Amino acid sequence: MPPRTKKSKFEPVTDFAATFTEWLGIKVQGALIAKRQKDLHDRMCAQLEIDGYQDEKGSYYVDFEEDEVKGFVGLQYRAVPKSVLDEERAEEFLKERGLLEECTIMVPELDQEAIFRKHQEGVISQEELDELYTKSVSYSFWPRKV
């Protein structure tokens, strides 16, 4: 493994163990906060569907009984319509209409397995194969237990 070439722009820590302890605590808190946020979101969605009112686009609204809560007067649970082509249904329809070939594009894709076979057969050298791939290294923290 080559040494790390990109150096951090930050100053190193003076007490690594203390910094690690703080980092680990924040990481755990972040996971707990994300779980709690999802739970609150799901419960508010359920309540919006019961007590809220809906507009013509399908979005739900609730107005707060008080004048405002932390500067907000209500909440919108916005509907975001999305249309996705059902490829199976579209292919069947286009076949029936004789339009499949006209409405289909072929996207060339390199076959990595075929490239490796050519390497195994000796048609592509190891050096040539290495040149075809960009190499990179990424780093992530993995706390180790005793």
Protein backbone atom coordinates (compact mmCIF):
# COMPACT_ATOMS: atom_id res chain seq x y z
CA MET A 1 0.00 0.00 0.00
CA PRO A 2 1.50 3.34 -0.97
CA PRO A 3 1.88 5.96 1.77
CA ARG A 4 -0.83 8.59 2.05
CA THR A 5 0.08 11.42 -0.32
CA LYS A 6 -2.54 14.02 0.59
CA LYS A 7 -1.67 15.68 3.86
CA SER A 8 -4.32 17.07 6.20
CA LYS A 9 -4.71 20.85 6.33
CA PHE A 10 -5.40 20.63 10.08
CA GLU A 11 -2.97 20.67 12.95
CA PRO A 12 -2.43 17.28 14.59
CA VAL A 13 -3.98 16.66 18.00
CA THR A 14 -1.89 16.78 21.16
CA ASP A 15 -3.87 14.15 23.12
CA PHE A 16 -4.94 11.50 20.63
CA ALA A 17 -6.78 9.30 23.15
CA ALA A 18 -8.88 12.23 24.44
CA THR A 19 -9.68 13.37 20.89
CA PHE A 20 -10.62 9.80 19.91
CA THR A 21 -12.90 9.52 22.96
CA GLU A 22 -14.66 12.75 22.04
CA TRP A 23 -14.98 11.68 18.38
CA LEU A 24 -16.41 8.29 19.36
CA GLY A 25 -18.95 9.92 21.70
CA ILE A 26 -20.12 12.29 18.99
CA LYS A 27 -20.35 9.41 16.50
CA VAL A 28 -22.60 7.45 18.90
CA GLN A 29 -24.71 10.55 19.67
CA GLY A 30 -25.09 11.24 15.96
CA ALA A 31 -26.50 7.76 15.36
CA LEU A 32 -28.92 8.14 18.28
CA ILE A 33 -30.00 11.57 17.08
CA ALA A 34 -30.59 10.27 13.52
CA LYS A 35 -32.70 7.39 14.86
CA ARG A 36 -34.73 9.74 17.07
CA GLN A 37 -35.21 12.20 14.20
CA LYS A 38 -36.55 9.41 11.95
CA ASP A 39 -38.92 8.23 14.69
CA LEU A 40 -40.27 11.77 15.20
CA HIS A 41 -40.61 12.23 11.44
CA ASP A 42 -42.59 9.01 11.05
CA ARG A 43 -44.88 9.86 13.97
CA MET A 44 -45.50 13.41 12.69
CA CYS A 45 -46.32 12.01 9.22
CA ALA A 46 -48.90 9.70 10.77
CA GLN A 47 -50.43 12.59 12.72
CA LEU A 48 -50.43 14.88 9.65
CA GLU A 49 -52.41 12.27 7.73
CA ILE A 50 -54.98 12.20 10.56
CA ASP A 51 -55.23 15.87 11.58
CA GLY A 52 -53.85 17.69 8.56
CA TYR A 53 -55.62 18.95 5.50
CA GLN A 54 -54.60 18.16 1.96
CA ASP A 55 -54.24 20.41 -1.08
CA GLU A 56 -54.94 19.56 -4.72
CA LYS A 57 -51.34 18.38 -5.25
CA GLY A 58 -51.55 15.88 -2.37
CA SER A 59 -49.46 17.79 0.18
CA TYR A 60 -50.60 17.72 3.81
CA TYR A 61 -50.67 20.76 6.10
CA VAL A 62 -51.14 21.32 9.81
CA ASP A 63 -51.49 24.71 11.46
CA PHE A 64 -50.25 25.07 15.01
CA GLU A 65 -52.88 25.89 17.63
CA GLU A 66 -50.59 28.50 19.14
CA ASP A 67 -49.72 31.47 16.99
CA GLU A 68 -46.30 30.11 16.31
CA VAL A 69 -43.79 27.51 17.47
CA LYS A 70 -40.17 28.67 17.39
CA GLY A 71 -41.09 31.14 14.65
CA PHE A 72 -43.15 28.65 12.63
CA VAL A 73 -46.94 28.72 12.19
CA GLY A 74 -47.40 25.22 10.76
CA LEU A 75 -45.90 22.34 8.83
CA GLN A 76 -46.28 21.15 5.27
CA TYR A 77 -45.70 17.49 4.36
CA ARG A 78 -45.02 18.16 0.71
CA ALA A 79 -46.05 15.64 -1.93
CA VAL A 80 -43.39 15.30 -4.62
CA PRO A 81 -44.86 13.48 -7.63
CA LYS A 82 -42.47 11.28 -9.56
CA SER A 83 -43.02 9.48 -12.82
CA VAL A 84 -40.84 6.46 -13.61
CA LEU A 85 -41.05 4.51 -16.84
CA ASP A 86 -42.23 0.93 -16.25
CA GLU A 87 -39.73 -0.63 -18.64
CA GLU A 88 -41.44 -4.01 -18.75
CA ARG A 89 -44.82 -2.49 -19.61
CA ALA A 90 -43.27 -0.02 -22.07
CA GLU A 91 -41.30 -2.77 -23.83
CA GLU A 92 -44.44 -4.89 -24.24
CA PHE A 93 -46.41 -1.88 -25.53
CA LEU A 94 -43.67 -0.89 -27.99
CA LYS A 95 -43.34 -4.48 -29.27
CA GLU A 96 -47.10 -4.62 -29.91
CA ARG A 97 -46.92 -1.33 -31.82
CA GLY A 98 -43.79 -2.32 -33.78
CA LEU A 99 -41.85 0.57 -32.26
CA LEU A 100 -39.40 -1.27 -30.01
CA GLU A 101 -36.36 -1.04 -32.27
CA GLU A 102 -37.05 2.60 -33.06
CA CYS A 103 -37.41 3.48 -29.35
CA THR A 104 -34.41 1.51 -28.09
CA ILE A 105 -30.83 2.70 -27.85
CA MET A 106 -27.89 0.41 -27.28
CA VAL A 107 -25.26 1.76 -24.92
CA PRO A 108 -21.81 0.22 -25.42
CA GLU A 109 -20.29 -1.11 -22.22
CA LEU A 110 -16.85 -2.58 -21.77
CA ASP A 111 -16.84 -6.18 -20.55
CA GLN A 112 -14.29 -6.33 -17.72
CA GLU A 113 -14.46 -10.12 -17.62
CA ALA A 114 -13.54 -10.27 -21.30
CA ILE A 115 -10.61 -7.91 -20.65
CA PHE A 116 -9.39 -10.21 -17.84
CA ARG A 117 -9.80 -13.26 -20.13
CA LYS A 118 -7.61 -11.54 -22.74
CA HIS A 119 -5.07 -10.93 -19.99
CA GLN A 120 -5.22 -14.62 -18.94
CA GLU A 121 -4.76 -15.63 -22.60
CA GLY A 122 -1.65 -13.46 -22.81
CA VAL A 123 -3.13 -11.00 -25.33
CA ILE A 124 -2.95 -8.17 -22.76
CA SER A 125 0.14 -7.94 -20.55
CA GLN A 126 0.01 -7.23 -16.80
CA GLU A 127 1.62 -3.82 -17.42
CA GLU A 128 -0.99 -2.97 -20.07
CA LEU A 129 -3.79 -4.18 -17.79
CA ASP A 130 -2.47 -2.04 -14.92
CA GLU A 131 -2.52 1.01 -17.21
CA LEU A 132 -6.25 0.51 -17.87
CA TYR A 133 -7.17 1.04 -14.21
CA THR A 134 -6.95 4.19 -12.13
CA LYS A 135 -5.77 3.41 -8.65
CA SER A 136 -6.86 5.33 -5.59
CA VAL A 137 -6.93 4.86 -1.84
CA SER A 138 -9.60 6.11 0.53
CA TYR A 139 -9.39 6.23 4.30
CA SER A 140 -11.99 5.77 7.01
CA PHE A 141 -11.90 5.35 10.77
CA TRP A 142 -12.47 1.83 12.13
CA PRO A 143 -12.24 1.82 15.93
CA ARG A 144 -10.56 -1.39 17.16
CA LYS A 145 -11.67 -3.14 20.33
CA VAL A 146 -9.38 -5.03 22.66
